[in-house]
Amino acid sequence: VEHCGNPLTWCFCSGHDHLSVTEEDQACAMAHQNLEHAYRFEPDPVHLPLGVCMDNLSKVYKLGKKTAVKNLSLNLYEGQITSFLGHNGAGKTTTMSMITGLIPPTAGTASVYNYDIRTDMDIIRQSLGMCPQHNVLFDKFTVEEHLWFYASLKGMKAEDIKIETDRMIDDLGLPDKRHVRVDCLSGGMQRKLSVAIAFVGGSRTVILDEPTAGVDPYARRAIWDLLVKFKKGRTILLSTHHMDEADFLGDRIAIISNGQLKCCGSSIFLKNMIGEGYHLTFSKADPQVHDQDDDEGSGDENHVETETLPRTNRKPVPKPTNYSTQKEKPESLCKERQVTTFIQKYVSSAYLVSENFRELHYILPFEEVKKGCFEKLFLNLDTSLDELHVTSYGIMDTNLEE
């Protein structure tokens, strides 16, 4: 029995693999999704090589009987980065731990390049790279020694390790830190090294658990560039809490909640299928201020400047009680009803989301694009800004966070 990770089957000594994954199992990985929510799942890019196939993967922890992952079916393809999104406790790390053999699944299975995680973990680990949430580094090792050590674990030859190490250090942008110990590196540099370790040694399958957590924007961008450069020929699963990161890096985005896969597809697909629509925002023209005091005060014969009275004769001036003489609240000439009527004349399903003193915010549903009515709306809008008492407008696509 192995000291850690997945336990071997009771019949391991016979040499027969009774738990191998068949081609039929791989083909049906995405067939188990609820038909009611099938529209949330974009068809798989079957023209690409299949890297990782998860089929009804489940994990129930004995302590507390908590279901961390429930019937998760998802395919990951070579040459793509699949972004894994979900709230804290959604099951992202548990799923990654099962794929990498750190914990065994309670039910279901997964295969990595046709090798079953339940029986072939030794083979899978030869081409598997992992970057955990927290750095697993040796304080006394240098940057070069780390890369050499992990490449050696993958079984690389000494001459290949030298070439791999030189290339990786250059890609990391750390040539001047080559012989510096890890405990002397900044947090961002340590995180970049952890990501590089996942790729070193010819890893074909790379699992990255929040690789940019706790790093500054500059180091974060450097890690992005590293991932984009190295994704060719590799199957990459990336978990993150940053929506812009998932949008930028993810060829496909899988969203998990409470251990269940909710949707999967490209960023554009998810925005079109689940998003509300385009956001149209208007800036109202400056309001006009009506001041009756300016008109009436100058002709008041009884008006006396307090500064002309002796200091001893001054009395407190009572606050005015006649509200008609006060400044009226500024009113904008831009009326919501007028703007809404104008928009709905061209986009009938458009609706108002919010209004404040300065702006109007509308949603233009995605399905209206196919009708060709957006062009008419914007052409007429450009010539009607003064009539609507609007200074400017802007349109924005639905973002991934929404």
Protein backbone atom coordinates (compact mmCIF):
# COMPACT_ATOMS: atom_id res chain seq x y z
CA VAL A 1 0.00 0.00 0.00
CA GLU A 2 1.27 3.49 -0.82
CA HIS A 3 2.30 5.75 2.05
CA CYS A 4 0.09 8.59 0.81
CA GLY A 5 -2.37 9.39 -1.93
CA ASN A 6 -4.63 6.84 -3.57
CA PRO A 7 -4.62 3.36 -1.99
CA LEU A 8 -4.04 0.40 -4.29
CA THR A 9 -6.86 -2.06 -5.03
CA TRP A 10 -7.04 -5.31 -3.07
CA CYS A 11 -6.09 -7.25 -6.21
CA PHE A 12 -3.04 -5.13 -7.15
CA CYS A 13 -0.68 -8.10 -6.77
CA SER A 14 -2.44 -10.01 -9.54
CA GLY A 15 -1.35 -7.43 -12.09
CA HIS A 16 -4.86 -7.13 -13.56
CA ASP A 17 -6.34 -3.67 -13.89
CA HIS A 18 -10.03 -4.02 -13.19
CA LEU A 19 -10.54 -0.27 -12.87
CA SER A 20 -9.21 0.97 -16.19
CA VAL A 21 -11.03 3.81 -17.91
CA THR A 22 -12.63 2.84 -21.19
CA GLU A 23 -13.14 5.05 -24.22
CA GLU A 24 -16.86 4.89 -23.51
CA ASP A 25 -16.25 6.37 -20.05
CA GLN A 26 -14.32 9.28 -21.55
CA ALA A 27 -16.93 9.96 -24.20
CA CYS A 28 -19.71 10.27 -21.65
CA ALA A 29 -17.92 12.59 -19.24
CA MET A 30 -20.09 15.56 -20.17
CA ALA A 31 -23.23 13.51 -20.83
CA HIS A 32 -24.18 13.43 -17.15
CA GLN A 33 -24.99 17.13 -16.92
CA ASN A 34 -28.56 18.04 -16.07
CA LEU A 35 -30.46 18.43 -19.33
CA GLU A 36 -32.40 21.30 -17.81
CA HIS A 37 -29.17 23.33 -17.64
CA ALA A 38 -27.58 21.99 -20.82
CA TYR A 39 -27.65 25.47 -22.39
CA ARG A 40 -25.00 26.55 -19.87
CA PHE A 41 -22.44 24.13 -21.32
CA GLU A 42 -20.64 24.91 -24.56
CA PRO A 43 -19.84 21.89 -26.79
CA ASP A 44 -16.36 20.54 -26.15
CA PRO A 45 -13.51 21.30 -28.60
CA VAL A 46 -13.30 17.65 -29.67
CA HIS A 47 -10.76 18.50 -32.39
CA LEU A 48 -8.15 18.93 -29.62
CA PRO A 49 -6.40 16.05 -27.80
CA LEU A 50 -8.15 15.08 -24.58
CA GLY A 51 -5.88 15.65 -21.59
CA VAL A 52 -7.96 15.13 -18.46
CA CYS A 53 -11.35 13.44 -18.27
CA MET A 54 -13.37 13.66 -15.05
CA ASP A 55 -16.39 11.38 -14.97
CA ASN A 56 -18.87 11.71 -12.09
CA LEU A 57 -16.06 12.54 -9.69
CA SER A 58 -17.25 12.75 -6.09
CA LYS A 59 -15.68 13.22 -2.69
CA VAL A 60 -17.34 12.86 0.70
CA TYR A 61 -15.18 13.44 3.76
CA LYS A 62 -15.80 10.95 6.53
CA LEU A 63 -15.26 13.57 9.21
CA GLY A 64 -18.51 15.51 9.30
CA LYS A 65 -19.80 13.62 6.24
CA LYS A 66 -19.31 16.73 4.13
CA THR A 67 -19.83 16.40 0.38
CA ALA A 68 -17.02 18.44 -1.13
CA VAL A 69 -17.47 17.38 -4.77
CA LYS A 70 -20.60 15.81 -6.23
CA ASN A 71 -20.81 14.07 -9.62
CA LEU A 72 -18.34 16.39 -11.34
CA SER A 73 -17.91 15.64 -15.04
CA LEU A 74 -15.52 17.83 -17.01
CA ASN A 75 -13.05 17.41 -19.87
CA LEU A 76 -9.79 19.37 -20.14
CA TYR A 77 -8.03 19.65 -23.50
CA GLU A 78 -4.42 19.98 -24.53
CA GLY A 79 -3.27 23.42 -25.62
CA GLN A 80 -5.89 25.15 -23.48
CA ILE A 81 -6.06 26.78 -20.07
CA THR A 82 -9.27 25.90 -18.27
CA SER A 83 -10.11 28.47 -15.58
CA PHE A 84 -11.74 26.96 -12.50
CA LEU A 85 -13.95 29.49 -10.69
CA GLY A 86 -15.86 29.11 -7.47
CA HIS A 87 -16.37 30.56 -4.00
CA ASN A 88 -14.30 29.47 -1.01
CA GLY A 89 -15.27 25.91 -0.16
CA ALA A 90 -16.81 25.25 -3.58
CA GLY A 91 -14.63 22.17 -4.15
CA LYS A 92 -11.87 23.49 -6.42
CA THR A 93 -8.91 22.39 -4.31
CA THR A 94 -10.54 19.03 -3.53
CA THR A 95 -11.02 18.37 -7.24
CA MET A 96 -7.40 19.23 -7.94
CA SER A 97 -6.23 17.04 -5.07
CA MET A 98 -8.08 14.07 -6.53
CA ILE A 99 -6.60 14.62 -10.00
CA THR A 100 -3.08 14.81 -8.59
CA GLY A 101 -3.56 11.74 -6.38
CA LEU A 102 -3.29 13.55 -3.05
CA ILE A 103 -6.65 12.17 -1.95
CA PRO A 104 -8.74 9.32 -3.41
CA PRO A 105 -12.22 9.96 -4.85
CA THR A 106 -15.20 8.54 -3.01
CA ALA A 107 -16.94 7.74 -6.29
CA GLY A 108 -16.40 8.27 -9.98
CA THR A 109 -13.03 8.48 -11.66
CA ALA A 110 -10.74 10.61 -13.76
CA SER A 111 -8.12 9.86 -16.37
CA VAL A 112 -5.01 11.84 -17.32
CA TYR A 113 -3.98 11.08 -20.89
CA ASN A 114 -5.87 7.77 -20.67
CA TYR A 115 -4.26 6.75 -17.35
CA ASP A 116 -6.66 6.14 -14.46
CA ILE A 117 -5.96 8.17 -11.30
CA ARG A 118 -7.00 5.17 -9.20
CA THR A 119 -4.46 2.72 -10.60
CA ASP A 120 -1.86 4.55 -12.70
CA MET A 121 -0.82 7.43 -10.48
CA ASP A 122 2.89 6.54 -10.69
CA ILE A 123 2.80 6.92 -14.46
CA ILE A 124 0.68 10.08 -14.31
CA ARG A 125 3.10 11.80 -11.91
CA GLN A 126 5.96 11.48 -14.39
CA SER A 127 4.35 14.18 -16.53
CA LEU A 128 2.28 16.00 -13.89
CA GLY A 129 3.04 19.44 -12.46
CA MET A 130 1.33 21.01 -9.46
CA CYS A 131 1.41 24.50 -7.95
CA PRO A 132 -0.46 24.41 -4.61
CA GLN A 133 -2.08 27.36 -2.90
CA HIS A 134 0.90 27.78 -0.61
CA ASN A 135 4.51 27.64 -1.73
CA VAL A 136 6.29 24.33 -1.15
CA LEU A 137 9.90 25.52 -1.22
CA PHE A 138 13.09 24.79 0.68
CA ASP A 139 14.50 27.86 2.39
CA LYS A 140 18.13 26.83 1.97
CA PHE A 141 17.81 25.93 -1.74
CA THR A 142 18.61 28.44 -4.46
CA VAL A 143 16.38 29.10 -7.48
CA GLU A 144 18.53 26.89 -9.69
CA GLU A 145 18.66 24.08 -7.12
CA HIS A 146 14.86 24.02 -6.89
CA LEU A 147 14.45 23.63 -10.63
CA TRP A 148 17.19 20.99 -10.75
CA PHE A 149 15.66 19.03 -7.87
CA TYR A 150 12.11 18.88 -9.24
CA ALA A 151 13.31 18.14 -12.77
CA SER A 152 15.32 15.23 -11.35
CA LEU A 153 12.22 13.87 -9.66
CA LYS A 154 10.59 13.72 -13.09
CA GLY A 155 13.45 11.55 -14.34
CA MET A 156 15.12 14.05 -16.69
CA LYS A 157 18.69 13.46 -17.80
CA ALA A 158 21.41 15.70 -16.36
CA GLU A 159 22.21 17.37 -19.69
CA ASP A 160 18.50 18.05 -20.32
CA ILE A 161 18.09 19.47 -16.84
CA LYS A 162 20.79 22.07 -17.52
CA ILE A 163 19.06 23.25 -20.70
CA GLU A 164 15.64 23.24 -19.04
CA THR A 165 16.89 25.18 -16.02
CA ASP A 166 18.59 27.88 -18.10
CA ARG A 167 15.50 28.37 -20.23
CA MET A 168 13.14 28.47 -17.27
CA ILE A 169 15.22 31.01 -15.34
CA ASP A 170 15.30 33.30 -18.37
CA ASP A 171 11.52 32.95 -18.83
CA LEU A 172 11.03 33.78 -15.16
CA GLY A 173 13.08 36.94 -15.54
CA LEU A 174 15.30 35.89 -12.62
CA PRO A 175 18.77 35.47 -14.16
CA ASP A 176 20.31 37.66 -11.43
CA LYS A 177 18.59 35.53 -8.73
CA ARG A 178 19.87 32.22 -10.06
CA HIS A 179 22.11 31.48 -7.06
CA VAL A 180 20.03 33.32 -4.44
CA ARG A 181 18.40 31.30 -1.66
CA VAL A 182 14.62 31.20 -1.60
CA ASP A 183 14.34 32.77 1.86
CA CYS A 184 15.98 35.89 0.38
CA LEU A 185 13.42 36.24 -2.41
CA SER A 186 10.32 38.41 -2.31
CA GLY A 187 6.87 36.83 -2.10
CA GLY A 188 6.20 37.51 -5.78
CA MET A 189 9.46 35.89 -6.85
CA GLN A 190 8.75 32.84 -4.71
CA ARG A 191 5.34 32.49 -6.32
CA LYS A 192 6.82 32.73 -9.81
CA LEU A 193 9.29 29.99 -8.87
CA SER A 194 6.44 27.76 -7.63
CA VAL A 195 4.66 28.17 -10.97
CA ALA A 196 7.87 27.39 -12.87
CA ILE A 197 8.37 24.22 -10.83
CA ALA A 198 4.97 22.99 -12.01
CA PHE A 199 6.14 23.27 -15.64
CA VAL A 200 9.68 21.97 -15.24
CA GLY A 201 10.57 18.42 -16.27
CA GLY A 202 8.32 18.24 -19.30
CA SER A 203 4.97 18.35 -17.48
CA ARG A 204 2.11 17.75 -19.91
CA THR A 205 -0.60 18.18 -17.29
CA VAL A 206 -0.30 21.24 -15.04
CA ILE A 207 -2.57 21.96 -12.07
CA LEU A 208 -2.36 25.52 -10.70
CA ASP A 209 -4.23 26.32 -7.50
CA GLU A 210 -4.54 30.13 -7.27
CA PRO A 211 -1.03 30.77 -8.66
CA THR A 212 -1.29 34.58 -8.41
CA ALA A 213 -2.63 34.74 -4.85
CA GLY A 214 -0.90 37.39 -2.76
CA VAL A 215 1.35 38.83 -5.48
CA ASP A 216 1.64 42.39 -6.71
CA PRO A 217 0.18 43.40 -10.11
CA TYR A 218 3.59 43.38 -11.82
CA ALA A 219 4.42 39.82 -10.70
CA ARG A 220 0.87 38.75 -11.48
CA ARG A 221 1.23 39.93 -15.05
CA ALA A 222 4.58 38.14 -15.35
CA ILE A 223 2.92 34.88 -14.28
CA TRP A 224 0.19 35.43 -16.88
CA ASP A 225 2.80 35.80 -19.60
CA LEU A 226 4.51 32.64 -18.38
CA LEU A 227 1.28 30.63 -18.56
CA VAL A 228 0.40 31.86 -22.04
CA LYS A 229 3.89 31.04 -23.28
CA PHE A 230 3.92 27.51 -21.85
CA LYS A 231 0.36 26.37 -22.57
CA LYS A 232 1.18 24.92 -25.99
CA GLY A 233 1.27 21.13 -25.81
CA ARG A 234 0.02 21.12 -22.22
CA THR A 235 -3.30 20.64 -20.44
CA ILE A 236 -3.64 23.33 -17.76
CA LEU A 237 -6.24 23.67 -15.00
CA LEU A 238 -6.12 27.04 -13.23
CA SER A 239 -8.18 28.00 -10.19
CA THR A 240 -8.56 31.66 -9.33
CA HIS A 241 -10.77 34.22 -7.60
CA HIS A 242 -9.83 37.01 -10.03
CA MET A 243 -12.45 37.43 -12.75
CA ASP A 244 -10.14 39.39 -15.04
CA GLU A 245 -7.55 36.63 -14.73
CA ALA A 246 -10.04 33.92 -15.65
CA ASP A 247 -11.28 36.03 -18.55
CA PHE A 248 -7.81 36.77 -19.90
CA LEU A 249 -6.18 33.36 -19.46
CA GLY A 250 -9.07 30.93 -19.74
CA ASP A 251 -9.76 29.37 -23.13
CA ARG A 252 -12.64 27.73 -21.29
CA ILE A 253 -14.13 28.67 -17.93
CA ALA A 254 -15.73 26.15 -15.57
CA ILE A 255 -17.73 27.48 -12.62
CA ILE A 256 -18.29 25.24 -9.60
CA SER A 257 -20.56 25.85 -6.61
CA ASN A 258 -21.15 23.59 -3.63
CA GLY A 259 -19.23 20.81 -5.33
CA GLN A 260 -21.28 20.83 -8.52
CA LEU A 261 -20.38 22.13 -11.96
CA LYS A 262 -22.78 24.93 -12.90
CA CYS A 263 -21.56 25.98 -16.35
CA CYS A 264 -18.62 25.63 -18.69
CA GLY A 265 -17.55 27.34 -21.90
CA SER A 266 -15.56 30.21 -23.31
CA SER A 267 -15.87 33.67 -21.80
CA ILE A 268 -17.89 34.94 -24.77
CA PHE A 269 -20.22 31.92 -24.61
CA LEU A 270 -20.96 32.37 -20.90
CA LYS A 271 -21.56 36.10 -21.27
CA ASN A 272 -23.98 35.56 -24.16
CA MET A 273 -25.86 32.65 -22.59
CA ILE A 274 -26.03 33.80 -18.97
CA GLY A 275 -25.28 37.52 -19.04
CA GLU A 276 -28.09 40.09 -19.08
CA GLY A 277 -26.89 42.09 -22.05
CA TYR A 278 -25.00 45.23 -22.98
CA HIS A 279 -24.85 48.10 -20.48
CA LEU A 280 -25.85 51.48 -21.93
CA THR A 281 -25.07 54.49 -19.72
CA PHE A 282 -26.10 58.12 -20.28
CA SER A 283 -24.58 61.19 -18.65
CA LYS A 284 -27.24 63.80 -17.97
CA ALA A 285 -26.74 67.43 -18.93
CA ASP A 286 -25.85 69.81 -16.09
CA PRO A 287 -28.97 70.84 -14.16
CA GLN A 288 -30.24 74.42 -14.17
CA VAL A 289 -30.33 76.34 -10.89
CA HIS A 290 -33.20 78.76 -10.17
CA ASP A 291 -32.29 81.49 -7.66
CA GLN A 292 -35.09 83.91 -6.85
CA ASP A 293 -32.89 85.89 -4.47
CA ASP A 294 -30.78 87.04 -7.38
CA ASP A 295 -33.83 88.60 -9.03
CA GLU A 296 -35.66 90.04 -6.03
CA GLY A 297 -32.93 90.84 -3.50
CA SER A 298 -31.37 93.68 -5.49
CA GLY A 299 -34.60 95.71 -5.50
CA ASP A 300 -35.38 95.40 -1.81
CA GLU A 301 -35.37 98.93 -0.29
CA ASN A 302 -35.28 97.56 3.26
CA HIS A 303 -32.16 95.49 2.58
CA VAL A 304 -29.41 96.59 4.98
CA GLU A 305 -25.80 95.42 5.02
CA THR A 306 -24.94 94.21 8.52
CA GLU A 307 -21.40 95.55 8.18
CA THR A 308 -22.75 99.16 8.08
CA LEU A 309 -24.25 98.88 11.56
CA PRO A 310 -22.21 99.58 14.66
CA ARG A 311 -20.90 96.46 16.34
CA THR A 312 -22.93 97.16 19.50
CA ASN A 313 -26.21 97.43 17.59
CA ARG A 314 -25.89 94.18 15.65
CA LYS A 315 -28.58 91.58 16.24
CA PRO A 316 -28.70 87.96 15.07
CA VAL A 317 -30.34 87.72 11.69
CA PRO A 318 -33.25 85.24 11.89
CA LYS A 319 -33.32 82.36 9.41
CA PRO A 320 -35.75 82.95 6.57
CA THR A 321 -39.07 81.21 6.88
CA ASN A 322 -40.33 82.04 3.42
CA TYR A 323 -39.09 79.09 1.32
CA SER A 324 -40.01 80.82 -1.89
CA THR A 325 -36.99 83.09 -1.44
CA GLN A 326 -34.51 80.19 -1.06
CA LYS A 327 -32.57 78.54 -3.85
CA GLU A 328 -34.61 75.82 -5.47
CA LYS A 329 -33.13 72.32 -5.81
CA PRO A 330 -31.34 71.91 -9.16
CA GLU A 331 -33.41 70.07 -11.70
CA SER A 332 -32.07 68.23 -14.73
CA LEU A 333 -33.82 68.71 -18.02
CA CYS A 334 -33.02 65.06 -18.86
CA LYS A 335 -36.16 63.06 -18.12
CA GLU A 336 -36.00 59.30 -17.64
CA ARG A 337 -39.34 58.66 -19.34
CA GLN A 338 -38.31 60.57 -22.45
CA VAL A 339 -34.99 58.67 -22.75
CA THR A 340 -36.63 55.30 -22.09
CA THR A 341 -39.27 55.93 -24.77
CA PHE A 342 -36.57 56.89 -27.24
CA ILE A 343 -34.53 53.72 -26.60
CA GLN A 344 -37.49 51.35 -26.64
CA LYS A 345 -38.58 52.76 -30.00
CA TYR A 346 -35.55 50.91 -31.46
CA VAL A 347 -34.85 48.23 -28.82
CA SER A 348 -38.22 47.23 -27.44
CA SER A 349 -36.89 44.90 -24.71
CA ALA A 350 -34.43 47.42 -23.26
CA TYR A 351 -35.06 48.37 -19.65
CA LEU A 352 -33.84 50.81 -17.02
CA VAL A 353 -31.57 49.39 -14.32
CA SER A 354 -30.81 52.47 -12.25
CA GLU A 355 -30.96 56.25 -12.22
CA ASN A 356 -29.14 58.82 -10.15
CA PHE A 357 -28.52 62.55 -10.20
CA ARG A 358 -25.94 62.25 -13.00
CA GLU A 359 -26.59 59.05 -14.96
CA LEU A 360 -29.13 56.68 -16.48
CA HIS A 361 -28.24 52.99 -16.78
CA TYR A 362 -30.01 50.64 -19.22
CA ILE A 363 -29.66 47.00 -20.28
CA LEU A 364 -29.85 46.08 -23.97
CA PRO A 365 -30.50 42.29 -24.16
CA PHE A 366 -28.13 40.23 -26.31
CA GLU A 367 -30.91 38.77 -28.46
CA GLU A 368 -31.65 42.22 -29.88
CA VAL A 369 -28.29 42.20 -31.69
CA LYS A 370 -29.56 39.66 -34.21
CA LYS A 371 -32.44 41.96 -35.18
CA GLY A 372 -30.06 44.66 -36.34
CA CYS A 373 -31.73 47.37 -34.27
CA PHE A 374 -28.57 48.55 -32.49
CA GLU A 375 -27.30 50.36 -35.56
CA LYS A 376 -30.51 52.36 -35.90
CA LEU A 377 -30.48 53.19 -32.19
CA PHE A 378 -26.96 54.61 -32.18
CA LEU A 379 -27.33 56.49 -35.48
CA ASN A 380 -30.41 58.31 -34.16
CA LEU A 381 -28.94 58.69 -30.70
CA ASP A 382 -25.94 60.62 -32.03
CA THR A 383 -28.25 63.24 -33.52
CA SER A 384 -30.63 63.45 -30.55
CA LEU A 385 -28.33 64.08 -27.60
CA ASP A 386 -29.35 67.73 -27.25
CA GLU A 387 -33.03 66.87 -27.55
CA LEU A 388 -32.69 64.29 -24.76
CA HIS A 389 -30.50 66.66 -22.70
CA VAL A 390 -27.71 64.10 -22.59
CA THR A 391 -24.04 65.06 -22.84
CA SER A 392 -22.61 61.63 -23.68
CA TYR A 393 -23.28 57.91 -23.59
CA GLY A 394 -21.24 54.71 -23.41
CA ILE A 395 -21.87 51.02 -23.96
CA MET A 396 -20.11 48.15 -22.22
CA ASP A 397 -20.25 44.37 -22.53
CA THR A 398 -21.29 42.20 -19.59
CA ASN A 399 -18.23 41.29 -17.53
CA LEU A 400 -17.50 37.84 -16.16
CA GLU A 401 -18.19 38.83 -12.57
CA GLU A 402 -21.80 39.72 -13.42
